[in-house]
Amino acid sequence: MFIQIAPKARVYVTDEDVDFIKQHSHGSFQSNDLTPEDADRAKVLADKAVFVRKKLDAGMQYALNRKIRMINEHKQFSKTHIPTDRMEKR
């Protein structure tokens, strides 16, 4: 699945990442509360700008980036799509 982080920027996340995002989308959480595998996953997702992070004295605090949106991977993006009314003017 793709997540759009900016108007023309998308990142790919796996199904396990989507489950992790849904599990932690309700609020902020700390890296100390996670297993080592989940802490690494949170770090990778923060590197992809899905989560935002704040450095604390005793670890990291993560929260879901509110500017992102999920994209259906079956949706086709085409740069060659031109509306028919523009074609008629040419």
C-alpha atoms as a PDB file:
ATOM      1  CA  MET A   1       0.000   0.000   0.000  1.00  0.00           C
ATOM      2  CA  PHE A   2       1.162   3.524  -0.651  1.00  0.00           C
ATOM      3  CA  ILE A   3       0.928   6.481   1.700  1.00  0.00           C
ATOM      4  CA  GLN A   4       0.985   9.974   0.273  1.00  0.00           C
ATOM      5  CA  ILE A   5       3.155  12.223   2.417  1.00  0.00           C
ATOM      6  CA  ALA A   6       3.190  15.241   0.084  1.00  0.00           C
ATOM      7  CA  PRO A   7       1.314  16.202  -3.110  1.00  0.00           C
ATOM      8  CA  LYS A   8       3.735  14.322  -5.376  1.00  0.00           C
ATOM      9  CA  ALA A   9       5.530  12.078  -2.891  1.00  0.00           C
ATOM     10  CA  ARG A  10       4.421   8.561  -1.998  1.00  0.00           C
ATOM     11  CA  VAL A  11       6.060   5.884   0.147  1.00  0.00           C
ATOM     12  CA  TYR A  12       5.395   2.171   0.123  1.00  0.00           C
ATOM     13  CA  VAL A  13       4.474   0.361   3.353  1.00  0.00           C
ATOM     14  CA  THR A  14       3.926  -3.359   3.877  1.00  0.00           C
ATOM     15  CA  ASP A  15       0.817  -4.954   5.361  1.00  0.00           C
ATOM     16  CA  GLU A  16       2.605  -5.398   8.696  1.00  0.00           C
ATOM     17  CA  ASP A  17       3.457  -1.693   8.659  1.00  0.00           C
ATOM     18  CA  VAL A  18      -0.197  -0.820   7.969  1.00  0.00           C
ATOM     19  CA  ASP A  19      -1.280  -2.928  10.943  1.00  0.00           C
ATOM     20  CA  PHE A  20       1.320  -1.184  13.122  1.00  0.00           C
ATOM     21  CA  ILE A  21       0.134   2.236  11.909  1.00  0.00           C
ATOM     22  CA  LYS A  22      -3.507   1.389  12.646  1.00  0.00           C
ATOM     23  CA  GLN A  23      -2.571   0.069  16.078  1.00  0.00           C
ATOM     24  CA  HIS A  24      -0.681   3.253  17.014  1.00  0.00           C
ATOM     25  CA  SER A  25      -2.754   5.884  15.192  1.00  0.00           C
ATOM     26  CA  HIS A  26      -4.761   6.954  18.249  1.00  0.00           C
ATOM     27  CA  GLY A  27      -2.070   9.026  19.941  1.00  0.00           C
ATOM     28  CA  SER A  28       1.580   9.336  20.760  1.00  0.00           C
ATOM     29  CA  PHE A  29       3.688   6.492  22.112  1.00  0.00           C
ATOM     30  CA  GLN A  30       7.248   6.050  23.305  1.00  0.00           C
ATOM     31  CA  SER A  31       9.933   3.739  22.015  1.00  0.00           C
ATOM     32  CA  ASN A  32      10.458   2.400  25.543  1.00  0.00           C
ATOM     33  CA  ASP A  33       6.949   0.884  25.447  1.00  0.00           C
ATOM     34  CA  LEU A  34       7.680  -1.122  22.283  1.00  0.00           C
ATOM     35  CA  THR A  35       9.426  -4.391  21.599  1.00  0.00           C
ATOM     36  CA  PRO A  36      12.811  -4.058  19.834  1.00  0.00           C
ATOM     37  CA  GLU A  37      11.239  -5.148  16.511  1.00  0.00           C
ATOM     38  CA  ASP A  38       8.414  -2.618  16.830  1.00  0.00           C
ATOM     39  CA  ALA A  39      10.872   0.103  17.849  1.00  0.00           C
ATOM     40  CA  ASP A  40      12.833  -0.542  14.646  1.00  0.00           C
ATOM     41  CA  ARG A  41       9.597  -0.479  12.618  1.00  0.00           C
ATOM     42  CA  ALA A  42       8.617   2.856  14.210  1.00  0.00           C
ATOM     43  CA  LYS A  43      12.059   4.262  13.358  1.00  0.00           C
ATOM     44  CA  VAL A  44      11.772   3.165   9.720  1.00  0.00           C
ATOM     45  CA  LEU A  45       8.261   4.611   9.427  1.00  0.00           C
ATOM     46  CA  ALA A  46       9.496   7.865  10.948  1.00  0.00           C
ATOM     47  CA  ASP A  47      12.291   7.910   8.351  1.00  0.00           C
ATOM     48  CA  LYS A  48       9.563   7.573   5.699  1.00  0.00           C
ATOM     49  CA  ALA A  49       7.671  10.519   7.331  1.00  0.00           C
ATOM     50  CA  VAL A  50       4.672   8.370   8.297  1.00  0.00           C
ATOM     51  CA  PHE A  51       5.361   9.063  11.974  1.00  0.00           C
ATOM     52  CA  VAL A  52       6.831  12.213  13.485  1.00  0.00           C
ATOM     53  CA  ARG A  53       9.292  11.813  16.323  1.00  0.00           C
ATOM     54  CA  LYS A  54      10.511  13.844  19.245  1.00  0.00           C
ATOM     55  CA  LYS A  55      13.680  13.048  21.139  1.00  0.00           C
ATOM     56  CA  LEU A  56      13.203  12.701  24.874  1.00  0.00           C
ATOM     57  CA  ASP A  57      15.707  12.159  27.684  1.00  0.00           C
ATOM     58  CA  ALA A  58      14.725   8.495  27.919  1.00  0.00           C
ATOM     59  CA  GLY A  59      14.082   7.562  24.286  1.00  0.00           C
ATOM     60  CA  MET A  60      11.869   8.732  21.445  1.00  0.00           C
ATOM     61  CA  GLN A  61       8.250   9.770  21.307  1.00  0.00           C
ATOM     62  CA  TYR A  62       6.336   8.985  18.102  1.00  0.00           C
ATOM     63  CA  ALA A  63       3.003  10.213  16.761  1.00  0.00           C
ATOM     64  CA  LEU A  64       1.197   9.700  13.481  1.00  0.00           C
ATOM     65  CA  ASN A  65       1.820  12.402  10.888  1.00  0.00           C
ATOM     66  CA  ARG A  66      -1.573  14.056  10.373  1.00  0.00           C
ATOM     67  CA  LYS A  67      -0.757  15.274   6.870  1.00  0.00           C
ATOM     68  CA  ILE A  68      -0.578  11.805   5.321  1.00  0.00           C
ATOM     69  CA  ARG A  69      -3.302   9.862   3.555  1.00  0.00           C
ATOM     70  CA  MET A  70      -3.628   6.271   2.436  1.00  0.00           C
ATOM     71  CA  ILE A  71      -3.739   5.564  -1.306  1.00  0.00           C
ATOM     72  CA  ASN A  72      -5.349   2.543  -2.879  1.00  0.00           C
ATOM     73  CA  GLU A  73      -2.570   0.690  -4.694  1.00  0.00           C
ATOM     74  CA  HIS A  74      -4.898  -0.250  -7.559  1.00  0.00           C
ATOM     75  CA  LYS A  75      -5.418   3.405  -8.459  1.00  0.00           C
ATOM     76  CA  GLN A  76      -3.570   4.258 -11.654  1.00  0.00           C
ATOM     77  CA  PHE A  77      -1.580   7.462 -11.889  1.00  0.00           C
ATOM     78  CA  SER A  78      -1.124   8.655 -15.445  1.00  0.00           C
ATOM     79  CA  LYS A  79       0.686  11.765 -16.569  1.00  0.00           C
ATOM     80  CA  THR A  80      -0.655  11.407 -20.094  1.00  0.00           C
ATOM     81  CA  HIS A  81      -4.309  11.855 -19.126  1.00  0.00           C
ATOM     82  CA  ILE A  82      -5.702  14.914 -20.887  1.00  0.00           C
ATOM     83  CA  PRO A  83      -9.377  15.857 -20.638  1.00  0.00           C
ATOM     84  CA  THR A  84     -11.283  15.555 -23.902  1.00  0.00           C
ATOM     85  CA  ASP A  85     -12.335  19.200 -23.985  1.00  0.00           C
ATOM     86  CA  ARG A  86      -8.667  20.308 -24.192  1.00  0.00           C
ATOM     87  CA  MET A  87      -8.061  17.893 -27.039  1.00  0.00           C
ATOM     88  CA  GLU A  88     -10.942  19.389 -29.017  1.00  0.00           C
ATOM     89  CA  LYS A  89      -9.437  22.882 -28.748  1.00  0.00           C
ATOM     90  CA  ARG A  90      -6.213  21.777 -30.452  1.00  0.00           C
END
